[in-house]
């Protein structure tokens, strides 16, 4: 069994920064896909950022230049550095990983951008 544990959410003022972390634990052989999704109230869950095993990254247009996804394979952990946060970034953020060929979701962490 594999578990994903997220941390780092919270309340931040517009223009501020937060760093999210997601660590996989359990029976892990390989992790290829590592993604961050978010879901705002009344909206569909959307893919925010992705990092492949090769290290190649991709971002939704609304966060390009502000968010950075990274991974530490030795720690089975990925990160999302969020800078210049805007009110519209308010959402529950979920990590998603494909571990040993199976997909897993984190429990979600709330990010609220408000003054």
C-alpha atoms as a PDB file:
ATOM      1  CA  UNK A   1       0.000   0.000   0.000  1.00  0.00           C
ATOM      2  CA  UNK A   2       1.195   3.493  -0.843  1.00  0.00           C
ATOM      3  CA  UNK A   3       0.214   6.712   0.892  1.00  0.00           C
ATOM      4  CA  UNK A   4       0.751  10.283  -0.222  1.00  0.00           C
ATOM      5  CA  UNK A   5       0.998  12.881   2.521  1.00  0.00           C
ATOM      6  CA  UNK A   6       0.796  16.558   1.705  1.00  0.00           C
ATOM      7  CA  UNK A   7       1.850  19.562   3.737  1.00  0.00           C
ATOM      8  CA  UNK A   8       2.449  23.264   3.391  1.00  0.00           C
ATOM      9  CA  UNK A   9      -0.958  24.781   2.727  1.00  0.00           C
ATOM     10  CA  UNK A  10      -2.361  27.719   4.620  1.00  0.00           C
ATOM     11  CA  UNK A  11      -3.506  31.314   4.509  1.00  0.00           C
ATOM     12  CA  UNK A  12      -1.356  33.848   2.697  1.00  0.00           C
ATOM     13  CA  UNK A  13      -1.829  37.411   1.511  1.00  0.00           C
ATOM     14  CA  UNK A  14      -1.893  38.247  -2.189  1.00  0.00           C
ATOM     15  CA  UNK A  15       1.648  38.448  -3.483  1.00  0.00           C
ATOM     16  CA  UNK A  16       2.892  36.007  -0.880  1.00  0.00           C
ATOM     17  CA  UNK A  17       4.481  32.582  -1.229  1.00  0.00           C
ATOM     18  CA  UNK A  18       3.853  29.042  -0.078  1.00  0.00           C
ATOM     19  CA  UNK A  19       5.631  25.762  -0.631  1.00  0.00           C
ATOM     20  CA  UNK A  20       3.680  22.529  -0.825  1.00  0.00           C
ATOM     21  CA  UNK A  21       5.243  19.126  -0.285  1.00  0.00           C
ATOM     22  CA  UNK A  22       3.992  15.635  -1.067  1.00  0.00           C
ATOM     23  CA  UNK A  23       5.782  12.518   0.141  1.00  0.00           C
ATOM     24  CA  UNK A  24       5.029   8.968  -0.894  1.00  0.00           C
ATOM     25  CA  UNK A  25       5.528   6.167   1.577  1.00  0.00           C
ATOM     26  CA  UNK A  26       4.977   2.430   1.486  1.00  0.00           C
ATOM     27  CA  UNK A  27       5.855  -0.176  -1.070  1.00  0.00           C
ATOM     28  CA  UNK A  28       7.560   1.954  -3.703  1.00  0.00           C
ATOM     29  CA  UNK A  29       9.503   0.593  -6.632  1.00  0.00           C
ATOM     30  CA  UNK A  30       9.327   3.513  -9.000  1.00  0.00           C
ATOM     31  CA  UNK A  31       7.566   6.812  -9.351  1.00  0.00           C
ATOM     32  CA  UNK A  32       7.184   8.243 -12.793  1.00  0.00           C
ATOM     33  CA  UNK A  33       4.428  10.797 -12.939  1.00  0.00           C
ATOM     34  CA  UNK A  34       4.193  13.471 -10.268  1.00  0.00           C
ATOM     35  CA  UNK A  35       1.496  16.101 -10.668  1.00  0.00           C
ATOM     36  CA  UNK A  36      -0.193  18.841  -8.694  1.00  0.00           C
ATOM     37  CA  UNK A  37      -3.911  19.475  -9.190  1.00  0.00           C
ATOM     38  CA  UNK A  38      -6.206  21.990  -7.571  1.00  0.00           C
ATOM     39  CA  UNK A  39      -9.927  22.371  -7.121  1.00  0.00           C
ATOM     40  CA  UNK A  40     -11.609  25.638  -6.286  1.00  0.00           C
ATOM     41  CA  UNK A  41     -15.160  25.761  -4.863  1.00  0.00           C
ATOM     42  CA  UNK A  42     -17.698  25.042  -7.592  1.00  0.00           C
ATOM     43  CA  UNK A  43     -14.999  24.288 -10.143  1.00  0.00           C
ATOM     44  CA  UNK A  44     -13.574  21.166 -11.705  1.00  0.00           C
ATOM     45  CA  UNK A  45     -10.241  19.797 -10.581  1.00  0.00           C
ATOM     46  CA  UNK A  46      -7.504  21.092 -12.866  1.00  0.00           C
ATOM     47  CA  UNK A  47      -3.938  20.066 -13.522  1.00  0.00           C
ATOM     48  CA  UNK A  48      -1.631  22.817 -12.307  1.00  0.00           C
ATOM     49  CA  UNK A  49       1.857  21.404 -12.824  1.00  0.00           C
ATOM     50  CA  UNK A  50       3.502  18.147 -13.799  1.00  0.00           C
ATOM     51  CA  UNK A  51       7.009  16.743 -13.660  1.00  0.00           C
ATOM     52  CA  UNK A  52       8.042  13.614 -15.484  1.00  0.00           C
ATOM     53  CA  UNK A  53      10.703  11.132 -14.508  1.00  0.00           C
ATOM     54  CA  UNK A  54      12.998  12.849 -16.990  1.00  0.00           C
ATOM     55  CA  UNK A  55      12.558  16.090 -15.073  1.00  0.00           C
ATOM     56  CA  UNK A  56      10.570  17.741 -17.812  1.00  0.00           C
ATOM     57  CA  UNK A  57       7.974  20.111 -16.379  1.00  0.00           C
ATOM     58  CA  UNK A  58       4.753  21.628 -17.610  1.00  0.00           C
ATOM     59  CA  UNK A  59       2.352  24.196 -16.174  1.00  0.00           C
ATOM     60  CA  UNK A  60      -1.117  25.521 -16.749  1.00  0.00           C
ATOM     61  CA  UNK A  61      -0.879  28.967 -18.313  1.00  0.00           C
ATOM     62  CA  UNK A  62      -2.316  30.761 -15.276  1.00  0.00           C
ATOM     63  CA  UNK A  63       0.651  29.789 -13.057  1.00  0.00           C
ATOM     64  CA  UNK A  64       3.544  29.970 -15.512  1.00  0.00           C
ATOM     65  CA  UNK A  65       6.341  32.121 -14.161  1.00  0.00           C
ATOM     66  CA  UNK A  66       4.926  31.999 -10.634  1.00  0.00           C
ATOM     67  CA  UNK A  67       4.888  28.305  -9.662  1.00  0.00           C
ATOM     68  CA  UNK A  68       7.750  25.818  -9.785  1.00  0.00           C
ATOM     69  CA  UNK A  69       7.371  22.069  -9.488  1.00  0.00           C
ATOM     70  CA  UNK A  70      10.330  19.936  -8.439  1.00  0.00           C
ATOM     71  CA  UNK A  71      11.038  16.455  -7.175  1.00  0.00           C
ATOM     72  CA  UNK A  72      13.524  14.679  -4.928  1.00  0.00           C
ATOM     73  CA  UNK A  73      13.560  11.072  -6.067  1.00  0.00           C
ATOM     74  CA  UNK A  74      15.701   9.947  -3.130  1.00  0.00           C
ATOM     75  CA  UNK A  75      13.005  11.163  -0.746  1.00  0.00           C
ATOM     76  CA  UNK A  76      10.011  10.161  -2.911  1.00  0.00           C
ATOM     77  CA  UNK A  77       8.898  13.758  -2.550  1.00  0.00           C
ATOM     78  CA  UNK A  78       7.734  16.487  -4.839  1.00  0.00           C
ATOM     79  CA  UNK A  79       7.281  20.169  -4.173  1.00  0.00           C
ATOM     80  CA  UNK A  80       5.307  23.079  -5.503  1.00  0.00           C
ATOM     81  CA  UNK A  81       6.838  26.475  -4.872  1.00  0.00           C
ATOM     82  CA  UNK A  82       4.123  29.085  -5.312  1.00  0.00           C
ATOM     83  CA  UNK A  83       5.147  32.735  -5.575  1.00  0.00           C
ATOM     84  CA  UNK A  84       3.208  35.914  -6.324  1.00  0.00           C
ATOM     85  CA  UNK A  85       0.039  34.213  -5.195  1.00  0.00           C
ATOM     86  CA  UNK A  86      -3.282  35.615  -6.360  1.00  0.00           C
ATOM     87  CA  UNK A  87      -6.774  35.307  -4.919  1.00  0.00           C
ATOM     88  CA  UNK A  88      -7.715  33.064  -7.816  1.00  0.00           C
ATOM     89  CA  UNK A  89      -5.106  30.543  -6.667  1.00  0.00           C
ATOM     90  CA  UNK A  90      -7.336  29.753  -3.684  1.00  0.00           C
ATOM     91  CA  UNK A  91      -8.213  26.060  -3.851  1.00  0.00           C
ATOM     92  CA  UNK A  92      -7.577  22.665  -2.371  1.00  0.00           C
ATOM     93  CA  UNK A  93      -4.335  21.378  -3.848  1.00  0.00           C
ATOM     94  CA  UNK A  94      -3.879  17.654  -4.453  1.00  0.00           C
ATOM     95  CA  UNK A  95      -0.785  15.719  -5.335  1.00  0.00           C
ATOM     96  CA  UNK A  96      -1.002  12.829  -7.744  1.00  0.00           C
ATOM     97  CA  UNK A  97       1.608  10.177  -8.388  1.00  0.00           C
ATOM     98  CA  UNK A  98       1.863   7.049 -10.457  1.00  0.00           C
ATOM     99  CA  UNK A  99       3.758   4.667  -8.190  1.00  0.00           C
ATOM    100  CA  UNK A 100       4.851   1.301  -9.529  1.00  0.00           C
ATOM    101  CA  UNK A 101       2.233   1.602 -12.225  1.00  0.00           C
ATOM    102  CA  UNK A 102      -0.706   2.589  -9.994  1.00  0.00           C
ATOM    103  CA  UNK A 103      -2.236   6.013  -9.463  1.00  0.00           C
ATOM    104  CA  UNK A 104      -2.544   7.599  -6.041  1.00  0.00           C
ATOM    105  CA  UNK A 105      -3.928  10.885  -4.719  1.00  0.00           C
ATOM    106  CA  UNK A 106      -2.973  12.889  -1.673  1.00  0.00           C
ATOM    107  CA  UNK A 107      -5.573  13.996   0.854  1.00  0.00           C
ATOM    108  CA  UNK A 108      -5.493  17.599  -0.301  1.00  0.00           C
ATOM    109  CA  UNK A 109      -4.251  20.749   1.376  1.00  0.00           C
ATOM    110  CA  UNK A 110      -6.106  24.061   1.495  1.00  0.00           C
ATOM    111  CA  UNK A 111      -4.443  27.145   0.068  1.00  0.00           C
ATOM    112  CA  UNK A 112      -6.262  30.403   0.749  1.00  0.00           C
ATOM    113  CA  UNK A 113      -5.038  33.685  -0.699  1.00  0.00           C
ATOM    114  CA  UNK A 114      -6.729  36.572   1.036  1.00  0.00           C
ATOM    115  CA  UNK A 115      -5.968  39.875   2.685  1.00  0.00           C
END
